[in-house]
Protein backbone atom coordinates (compact mmCIF):
# COMPACT_ATOMS: atom_id res chain seq x y z
CA MET A 1 5.35 -20.77 9.46
CA PHE A 2 3.76 -17.34 6.85
CA SER A 3 3.70 -17.60 3.89
CA GLU A 4 5.46 -14.71 1.41
CA SER A 5 2.60 -12.70 1.71
CA ASP A 6 1.60 -13.33 5.15
CA ARG A 7 5.19 -12.04 5.61
CA ASP A 8 4.68 -9.30 2.94
CA THR A 9 1.37 -8.38 5.41
CA ARG A 10 3.56 -8.24 8.24
CA ARG A 11 6.21 -5.89 6.62
CA LYS A 12 3.25 -3.18 5.55
CA GLU A 13 1.79 -3.66 9.07
CA LEU A 14 5.57 -2.16 10.35
CA GLY A 15 6.09 0.40 7.71
CA LEU A 16 2.96 1.92 8.24
CA VAL A 17 3.97 2.29 12.49
CA LEU A 18 7.11 3.33 11.15
CA PHE A 19 5.90 5.77 8.85
CA ILE A 20 3.87 7.40 12.02
CA LEU A 21 6.30 7.29 14.37
CA VAL A 22 8.60 10.02 12.24
CA PRO A 23 6.47 12.74 12.31
CA VAL A 24 5.38 11.56 16.26
CA LEU A 25 8.79 11.39 17.37
CA SER A 26 10.07 14.67 15.40
CA PHE A 27 7.20 17.06 16.22
CA GLY A 28 6.42 15.17 19.42
CA GLY A 29 10.17 16.13 20.99
CA LEU A 30 9.43 19.89 20.10
CA VAL A 31 6.05 20.34 21.58
CA LEU A 32 8.13 17.80 24.49
CA GLY A 33 10.91 19.66 25.12
CA ILE A 34 8.80 23.27 25.66
CA ALA A 35 7.08 20.76 27.94
CA LEU A 36 10.25 20.54 30.13
CA VAL A 37 11.15 24.33 30.06
CA ASN A 38 7.83 24.72 31.82
CA ALA A 39 8.07 22.11 34.24
CA GLY A 40 11.80 23.76 34.96
CA ILE A 41 14.16 20.95 33.74
CA ILE A 42 15.91 22.11 30.96
CA SER A 43 16.42 25.71 30.11
CA ASP A 44 16.11 26.25 27.01
CA ALA A 45 13.87 23.98 24.65
CA ALA A 46 16.30 24.15 21.61
CA ASP A 47 18.37 21.85 23.99
CA PHE A 48 16.05 19.09 23.30
CA TYR A 49 16.82 17.51 19.78
CA TRP A 50 16.80 14.32 20.78
CA GLY A 51 12.84 13.84 19.14
CA SER A 52 14.95 14.62 15.69
CA VAL A 53 17.27 12.53 15.80
CA ALA A 54 15.43 9.19 17.21
CA ALA A 55 13.17 10.15 13.98
CA SER A 56 16.11 10.16 12.12
CA LEU A 57 17.08 6.54 12.99
CA VAL A 58 13.01 5.62 12.49
CA LEU A 59 13.36 6.36 9.22
CA ALA A 60 16.78 5.31 8.27
CA PHE A 61 15.70 1.74 9.38
CA LEU A 62 12.08 2.11 7.15
CA ALA A 63 14.50 3.03 4.59
CA LEU A 64 16.17 -0.29 5.19
CA ILE A 65 13.24 -2.62 5.11
CA LYS A 66 11.47 -1.13 2.44
CA PRO A 67 11.59 -3.11 -1.49
CA ARG A 68 13.68 -0.23 -2.51
CA LYS A 69 16.30 1.59 -1.17
CA ASP A 70 16.14 5.50 -0.87
CA ILE A 71 19.45 6.95 -0.40
CA VAL A 72 18.33 9.88 1.13
CA SER A 73 16.24 8.49 3.89
CA LEU A 74 18.80 5.96 4.77
CA CYS A 75 21.28 8.78 5.53
CA ALA A 76 18.48 10.50 7.64
CA PRO A 77 20.81 9.67 11.28
CA MET A 78 24.24 11.46 8.84
CA PHE A 79 22.18 14.57 8.84
CA ALA A 80 20.93 14.36 12.25
CA LEU A 81 24.50 14.42 13.75
CA PHE A 82 25.99 17.07 11.58
CA VAL A 83 22.35 18.97 11.93
CA PHE A 84 22.05 18.52 16.13
CA ILE A 85 25.43 17.05 17.77
CA VAL A 86 28.02 18.08 16.31
CA PRO A 87 26.59 21.45 14.94
CA LEU A 88 30.25 24.39 14.09
CA GLU A 89 29.19 27.73 15.34
CA THR A 90 25.69 28.18 17.08
CA LYS A 91 22.72 25.67 18.08
CA PRO A 92 20.32 24.14 17.25
CA SER A 93 16.96 26.75 17.39
CA LEU A 94 13.47 25.24 17.50
CA LEU A 95 12.78 27.43 14.54
CA LEU A 96 15.66 24.95 12.22
CA GLN A 97 14.11 21.33 14.56
CA GLY A 98 10.48 22.67 13.17
CA LEU A 99 12.16 22.86 9.60
CA TYR A 100 14.10 18.72 10.21
CA ALA A 101 10.94 18.01 11.50
CA ALA A 102 8.89 18.84 8.39
CA SER A 103 11.37 18.26 6.08
CA ILE A 104 12.05 14.06 7.30
CA THR A 105 8.52 14.49 7.53
CA ALA A 106 8.06 15.03 3.90
CA LEU A 107 10.65 12.10 3.31
CA ALA A 108 8.57 10.05 5.46
CA VAL A 109 5.76 10.42 2.69
CA ARG A 110 7.82 10.02 -0.24
CA LEU A 111 9.38 6.61 1.38
CA HIS A 112 5.95 5.22 1.65
CA LEU A 113 4.31 6.14 -2.06
CA ARG A 114 7.67 5.94 -3.49
CA PHE A 115 10.10 3.08 -2.27
CA SER A 116 6.97 0.76 -1.05
CA THR A 117 7.00 -1.69 -3.93
CA PRO A 118 10.12 -3.96 -5.42
CA LYS A 119 11.29 -2.58 -8.50
CA ILE A 120 10.33 -4.24 -11.84
CA SER A 121 12.86 -3.86 -15.24
CA GLU A 122 11.60 -1.91 -17.65
CA LYS A 123 11.48 -5.66 -20.09
CA GLU A 124 9.45 -7.33 -17.61
CA GLU A 125 7.06 -4.15 -16.58
CA LYS A 126 6.00 -3.60 -20.29
CA SER A 127 5.52 -7.47 -20.66
CA MET A 128 3.18 -7.39 -17.85
CA GLU A 129 1.54 -3.56 -18.44
CA LYS A 130 0.50 -5.32 -21.83
CA TYR A 131 -0.98 -8.10 -20.05
CA LEU A 132 -2.71 -6.00 -18.08
CA TYR A 133 -4.46 -3.83 -20.55
CA ASP A 134 -5.45 -6.77 -22.90
CA TYR A 135 -7.07 -8.17 -19.72
CA ILE A 136 -8.48 -4.80 -19.74
CA HIS A 137 -9.32 -4.99 -23.11
CA ARG A 138 -10.97 -8.77 -22.92
CA ILE A 139 -13.49 -8.03 -20.34
CA THR A 140 -14.38 -4.77 -21.87
CA PRO A 141 -17.83 -5.93 -22.85
CA PHE A 142 -19.05 -7.63 -19.72
CA PHE A 143 -19.04 -5.11 -16.85
CA SER A 144 -20.97 -1.52 -19.25
CA LYS A 145 -23.13 -2.38 -16.69
CA VAL A 146 -21.74 -1.48 -13.43
CA SER A 147 -23.07 2.15 -12.37
CA ARG A 148 -19.99 5.15 -11.79
CA ASP A 149 -20.54 4.96 -7.88
CA CYS A 150 -20.16 1.39 -7.82
CA ALA A 151 -17.81 1.51 -9.53
CA HIS A 152 -15.99 3.79 -7.53
CA ASP A 153 -16.77 1.89 -4.55
CA ILE A 154 -14.43 -0.64 -6.22
CA ALA A 155 -11.38 1.52 -6.93
CA SER A 156 -11.28 2.78 -3.41
CA THR A 157 -12.08 -0.71 -2.48
CA VAL A 158 -8.69 -1.67 -4.28
CA LEU A 159 -6.38 1.52 -3.59
CA SER A 160 -7.56 1.12 0.07
CA PHE A 161 -6.06 -2.76 0.13
CA LYS A 162 -3.06 -1.56 -1.83
CA PHE A 163 -2.29 1.06 1.03
CA GLY A 164 -3.06 -1.17 3.75
CA LEU A 165 -6.33 0.33 5.09
CA TYR A 166 -8.06 -2.57 5.50
CA ALA A 167 -10.71 -1.70 7.25
CA LYS A 168 -11.74 1.50 4.95
CA ALA A 169 -11.30 -1.71 1.92
CA GLY A 170 -13.66 -3.69 3.84
CA THR A 171 -16.31 -0.99 4.06
CA ASP A 172 -15.88 0.49 0.50
CA ALA A 173 -16.09 -3.32 -0.81
CA GLY A 174 -19.62 -3.60 1.08
CA ARG A 175 -20.94 -0.62 -0.40
CA ALA A 176 -20.19 -1.46 -4.07
CA LEU A 177 -21.76 -5.02 -2.92
CA SER A 178 -25.18 -2.94 -2.33
CA ARG A 179 -24.76 -1.06 -5.48
CA LEU A 180 -24.41 -3.65 -7.93
CA GLY A 181 -28.11 -4.04 -8.67
CA GLU A 182 -29.26 -6.78 -11.10
CA MET A 183 -27.17 -7.02 -14.57
CA GLU A 184 -25.76 -9.48 -16.59
CA ASN A 185 -21.97 -11.08 -14.69
CA ARG A 186 -22.99 -10.18 -11.46
CA ALA A 187 -21.90 -12.89 -9.46
CA VAL A 188 -17.80 -13.07 -10.57
CA LEU A 189 -18.26 -9.52 -9.27
CA GLU A 190 -19.99 -10.16 -6.46
CA ARG A 191 -18.04 -12.71 -5.73
CA ALA A 192 -14.23 -11.06 -6.06
CA LEU A 193 -15.75 -8.40 -3.46
CA LYS A 194 -16.27 -10.37 -1.05
CA ILE A 195 -13.14 -12.35 -1.62
CA VAL A 196 -11.43 -9.21 -0.97
CA LYS A 197 -14.38 -7.65 1.98
CA GLU A 198 -12.95 -10.64 3.96
CA ARG A 199 -9.49 -10.42 3.16
CA ALA A 200 -9.88 -7.20 4.14
CA GLU A 201 -11.42 -7.65 7.86
CA ALA A 202 -9.22 -10.24 8.58
CA LEU A 203 -6.11 -8.25 8.22
CA ASP A 204 -7.63 -5.57 10.41
CA GLN A 205 -8.44 -7.72 12.51
CA SER A 206 -4.88 -8.98 12.71
CA LEU A 207 -5.72 -12.66 11.57
CA PRO A 208 -2.77 -13.22 8.55
CA GLY A 209 -4.50 -16.33 7.79
CA GLY A 210 -8.01 -15.83 7.29
CA PHE A 211 -8.69 -15.70 4.03
CA SER A 212 -12.29 -15.66 2.47
CA ALA A 213 -14.27 -19.37 2.19
CA VAL A 214 -15.86 -17.66 -1.24
CA SER A 215 -13.77 -18.88 -4.28
CA PHE A 216 -14.99 -18.42 -7.88
CA GLU A 217 -16.52 -20.73 -9.53
CA LYS A 218 -15.84 -22.60 -13.24
CA GLU A 219 -18.09 -20.35 -15.33
CA ASP A 220 -15.85 -17.12 -13.78
CA ILE A 221 -12.97 -18.36 -15.59
CA PRO A 222 -13.49 -16.02 -18.48
CA PHE A 223 -13.47 -12.88 -16.53
CA LEU A 224 -10.21 -13.46 -14.44
CA ALA A 225 -6.68 -12.12 -15.75
CA LEU A 226 -5.10 -15.30 -14.62
CA ASN A 227 -5.94 -18.98 -15.22
CA ILE A 228 -3.44 -21.47 -13.67
CA PRO A 229 -3.73 -25.48 -13.73
CA PRO A 230 -4.67 -26.01 -10.36
CA GLU A 231 -0.81 -28.44 -9.74
CA GLN A 232 0.82 -25.40 -10.02
CA VAL A 233 -0.73 -22.92 -7.73
CA GLU A 234 1.93 -22.82 -5.03
CA ASP A 235 -1.48 -21.07 -2.85
CA ARG A 236 -4.71 -21.22 -3.83
CA ASN A 237 -6.13 -18.92 -1.13
CA VAL A 238 -3.77 -15.96 -2.05
CA TYR A 239 -4.34 -17.21 -5.64
CA THR A 240 -8.02 -15.96 -5.81
CA LEU A 241 -7.16 -13.03 -3.94
CA ASP A 242 -4.62 -12.27 -6.59
CA ASN A 243 -7.37 -12.81 -8.96
CA ALA A 244 -10.20 -10.66 -7.45
CA LEU A 245 -8.24 -7.28 -7.01
CA LEU A 246 -7.66 -8.04 -10.63
CA LEU A 247 -10.66 -8.18 -11.48
CA LEU A 248 -12.10 -5.38 -9.24
CA TYR A 249 -8.69 -3.55 -10.89
CA ALA A 250 -9.51 -4.02 -13.65
CA VAL A 251 -13.99 -2.87 -13.81
CA ALA A 252 -12.77 0.24 -11.79
CA TYR A 253 -10.12 1.41 -14.44
CA LEU A 254 -12.72 0.59 -17.45
CA GLN A 255 -15.97 1.89 -15.35
CA SER A 256 -14.97 4.58 -12.63
CA PRO A 257 -13.10 7.93 -14.94
CA ASP A 258 -12.95 9.53 -11.96
CA ASP A 259 -10.72 6.98 -10.31
CA GLY A 260 -8.69 6.45 -13.29
CA GLN A 261 -5.51 9.32 -12.36
CA SER A 262 -5.14 7.38 -8.86
CA LEU A 263 -5.62 4.18 -10.64
CA ASP A 264 -2.93 4.71 -12.91
CA GLU A 265 -0.49 6.09 -10.25
CA HIS A 266 -0.85 2.81 -8.65
CA GLN A 267 -0.69 0.37 -11.79
CA ASN A 268 2.80 -0.63 -10.29
CA PHE A 269 0.55 -2.35 -7.39
CA VAL A 270 -1.44 -4.46 -9.89
CA ILE A 271 1.17 -5.25 -12.53
CA GLN A 272 3.26 -7.26 -9.24
CA ILE A 273 0.26 -9.13 -8.87
CA LEU A 274 0.89 -10.15 -12.22
CA GLU A 275 4.80 -10.61 -12.47
CA ASP A 276 4.50 -13.01 -9.39
CA TYR A 277 2.75 -15.66 -11.73
CA ARG A 278 4.86 -14.11 -15.20
CA ASN A 279 7.34 -17.34 -15.22
CA LEU A 280 3.60 -19.38 -15.36
CA ILE A 281 1.76 -16.97 -17.64
CA SER A 282 4.95 -17.45 -20.42
CA GLN A 283 4.53 -21.15 -20.08
CA LYS A 284 0.99 -20.78 -21.31
């Protein structure tokens, strides 16, 4: 039986495949149409518009499985119907197919970037955003010795993990570990990096149940965003991973100003992690 985290991972993996399929089908259909003309199978490449139609169906299905719905992407098959299947006066040209392919590819990018996380109510978002900034403020004095290069690698680890680029996340975490150097509070940061690194490597190898054997120690608690009683933690592995991601995000936010804009833009990723624990946090 798969946990909610594993189901979310599988949904993200499927979403990535569908996202790639949209430009492959739409632009690939153009190339295939030209190849069919050269082979003498059809007389006009513009008559072969099925790549764009198939890409529209894939885009609509991708929009359907996203946590937040995009009505424009959901209507893509209808657009394809009116553009290609039932044109009123003129048949679709190769130029029109190229413009259509570029348009639905842009829609796929928009869908991937803006509709991949569940919508949070304004009240909840402000509450969790405040909790996040309170946490960042609380740990500010403890990680000032982290170098900018190391902090950049930490930021890249978090963002790569967020986008499902697990091989890159593992590589970035390994590079950050090599740049930690000797500093106060190194141990907790090292553990966080190893937890995320080993989880990313497991996901890259399609091992959804593979979590790191590394865990935080009792002395790490002051540096963690979440301190939930053990009996209230539903999945200890996910909880440990979430704490590691939150710590890495906070350290990157503090020590890598060059990544500040990217971290701000994708802050909803860590706010959503906190949202999963909102009821437990509010009970404290």
